[in-house]
Amino acid sequence: MPSENGSGVSVNDLTSNDEFIAHCLHPTEESTAYWKAWTKKHPQQRTTIEKAKLMVMGMHHGANGPDLSTLKSDIWDHISSH
């Protein structure tokens, strides 16, 4: 998981993090709670998390995956609701 201070976390850091990738592809209650709390504590990192999640989902689903603009909207809706 990223550092608790939230500084310096990059898209590359997140897309290289096995726990983040697992959360993006197969979220659990525990991982969702962790990332919700982490994002609330580090709101300046929301854009970084969104970009990283889009990259993970895009890499996983490839050309046959969901439309990225729809996925981006869904991610923002999820972040905004929490």
C-alpha atoms as a PDB file:
ATOM      1  CA  MET A   1       0.000   0.000   0.000  1.00  0.00           C
ATOM      2  CA  PRO A   2       1.153   3.558  -0.518  1.00  0.00           C
ATOM      3  CA  SER A   3       2.671   5.535   2.309  1.00  0.00           C
ATOM      4  CA  GLU A   4       0.270   6.958   4.835  1.00  0.00           C
ATOM      5  CA  ASN A   5       1.515  10.499   4.273  1.00  0.00           C
ATOM      6  CA  GLY A   6       0.214  10.366   0.683  1.00  0.00           C
ATOM      7  CA  SER A   7       2.995  12.492  -0.718  1.00  0.00           C
ATOM      8  CA  GLY A   8       4.787  11.476  -3.830  1.00  0.00           C
ATOM      9  CA  VAL A   9       2.401   8.704  -4.880  1.00  0.00           C
ATOM     10  CA  SER A  10       2.410   8.504  -8.649  1.00  0.00           C
ATOM     11  CA  VAL A  11       0.321   6.693 -11.243  1.00  0.00           C
ATOM     12  CA  ASN A  12       3.348   4.480 -11.843  1.00  0.00           C
ATOM     13  CA  ASP A  13       3.583   3.645  -8.127  1.00  0.00           C
ATOM     14  CA  LEU A  14      -0.052   2.585  -8.047  1.00  0.00           C
ATOM     15  CA  THR A  15      -0.048   0.645 -11.321  1.00  0.00           C
ATOM     16  CA  SER A  16       2.995  -1.266 -10.046  1.00  0.00           C
ATOM     17  CA  ASN A  17       1.364  -2.061  -6.704  1.00  0.00           C
ATOM     18  CA  ASP A  18      -0.117  -5.577  -6.605  1.00  0.00           C
ATOM     19  CA  GLU A  19      -2.596  -4.642  -3.877  1.00  0.00           C
ATOM     20  CA  PHE A  20      -3.884  -1.647  -5.850  1.00  0.00           C
ATOM     21  CA  ILE A  21      -4.211  -3.750  -9.000  1.00  0.00           C
ATOM     22  CA  ALA A  22      -6.094  -6.446  -7.089  1.00  0.00           C
ATOM     23  CA  HIS A  23      -8.414  -3.786  -5.662  1.00  0.00           C
ATOM     24  CA  CYS A  24      -9.127  -2.350  -9.112  1.00  0.00           C
ATOM     25  CA  LEU A  25      -9.861  -5.727 -10.662  1.00  0.00           C
ATOM     26  CA  HIS A  26     -11.470  -7.532  -7.726  1.00  0.00           C
ATOM     27  CA  PRO A  27     -12.388  -5.095  -4.945  1.00  0.00           C
ATOM     28  CA  THR A  28     -13.194  -6.489  -1.529  1.00  0.00           C
ATOM     29  CA  GLU A  29     -14.889  -4.791   1.398  1.00  0.00           C
ATOM     30  CA  GLU A  30     -11.493  -4.468   3.049  1.00  0.00           C
ATOM     31  CA  SER A  31      -9.731  -2.985   0.012  1.00  0.00           C
ATOM     32  CA  THR A  32     -12.630  -0.640  -0.709  1.00  0.00           C
ATOM     33  CA  ALA A  33     -12.595   0.583   2.887  1.00  0.00           C
ATOM     34  CA  TYR A  34      -8.830   1.093   2.749  1.00  0.00           C
ATOM     35  CA  TRP A  35      -8.881   3.092  -0.498  1.00  0.00           C
ATOM     36  CA  LYS A  36     -11.930   5.091   0.568  1.00  0.00           C
ATOM     37  CA  ALA A  37     -10.192   6.085   3.820  1.00  0.00           C
ATOM     38  CA  TRP A  38      -6.873   6.732   2.074  1.00  0.00           C
ATOM     39  CA  THR A  39      -8.513   8.944  -0.562  1.00  0.00           C
ATOM     40  CA  LYS A  40     -10.445  10.850   2.107  1.00  0.00           C
ATOM     41  CA  LYS A  41      -7.204  11.435   3.996  1.00  0.00           C
ATOM     42  CA  HIS A  42      -5.364  12.467   0.792  1.00  0.00           C
ATOM     43  CA  PRO A  43      -7.905  14.238  -1.439  1.00  0.00           C
ATOM     44  CA  GLN A  44      -5.073  15.763  -3.492  1.00  0.00           C
ATOM     45  CA  GLN A  45      -4.390  12.239  -4.802  1.00  0.00           C
ATOM     46  CA  ARG A  46      -7.871  11.603  -6.269  1.00  0.00           C
ATOM     47  CA  THR A  47      -6.795  12.401  -9.809  1.00  0.00           C
ATOM     48  CA  THR A  48      -3.739  10.165  -9.478  1.00  0.00           C
ATOM     49  CA  ILE A  49      -5.884   7.296  -8.188  1.00  0.00           C
ATOM     50  CA  GLU A  50      -8.413   7.779 -10.976  1.00  0.00           C
ATOM     51  CA  LYS A  51      -5.722   7.770 -13.668  1.00  0.00           C
ATOM     52  CA  ALA A  52      -4.066   4.700 -12.184  1.00  0.00           C
ATOM     53  CA  LYS A  53      -7.367   2.826 -11.956  1.00  0.00           C
ATOM     54  CA  LEU A  54      -8.157   3.686 -15.586  1.00  0.00           C
ATOM     55  CA  MET A  55      -4.765   2.372 -16.620  1.00  0.00           C
ATOM     56  CA  VAL A  56      -5.171  -0.863 -14.674  1.00  0.00           C
ATOM     57  CA  MET A  57      -8.639  -1.427 -16.057  1.00  0.00           C
ATOM     58  CA  GLY A  58      -7.502  -0.570 -19.586  1.00  0.00           C
ATOM     59  CA  MET A  59      -4.528  -2.921 -19.399  1.00  0.00           C
ATOM     60  CA  HIS A  60      -6.660  -5.707 -18.001  1.00  0.00           C
ATOM     61  CA  HIS A  61      -9.597  -5.363 -20.368  1.00  0.00           C
ATOM     62  CA  GLY A  62      -7.646  -4.318 -23.465  1.00  0.00           C
ATOM     63  CA  ALA A  63      -9.528  -3.440 -26.625  1.00  0.00           C
ATOM     64  CA  ASN A  64     -12.492  -5.613 -25.648  1.00  0.00           C
ATOM     65  CA  GLY A  65     -12.988  -3.888 -22.309  1.00  0.00           C
ATOM     66  CA  PRO A  66     -15.466  -1.270 -21.262  1.00  0.00           C
ATOM     67  CA  ASP A  67     -15.499   2.184 -22.796  1.00  0.00           C
ATOM     68  CA  LEU A  68     -12.918   4.205 -20.874  1.00  0.00           C
ATOM     69  CA  SER A  69     -15.011   7.377 -20.794  1.00  0.00           C
ATOM     70  CA  THR A  70     -17.831   5.402 -19.162  1.00  0.00           C
ATOM     71  CA  LEU A  71     -15.369   3.792 -16.770  1.00  0.00           C
ATOM     72  CA  LYS A  72     -13.929   7.206 -15.888  1.00  0.00           C
ATOM     73  CA  SER A  73     -17.414   8.554 -15.196  1.00  0.00           C
ATOM     74  CA  ASP A  74     -18.227   5.540 -13.033  1.00  0.00           C
ATOM     75  CA  ILE A  75     -15.014   5.982 -11.039  1.00  0.00           C
ATOM     76  CA  TRP A  76     -15.697   9.683 -10.418  1.00  0.00           C
ATOM     77  CA  ASP A  77     -19.271   8.892  -9.402  1.00  0.00           C
ATOM     78  CA  HIS A  78     -17.950   6.317  -6.943  1.00  0.00           C
ATOM     79  CA  ILE A  79     -15.342   8.681  -5.525  1.00  0.00           C
ATOM     80  CA  SER A  80     -17.834  11.532  -5.233  1.00  0.00           C
ATOM     81  CA  SER A  81     -20.388   9.409  -3.427  1.00  0.00           C
ATOM     82  CA  HIS A  82     -17.926   8.523  -0.696  1.00  0.00           C
END
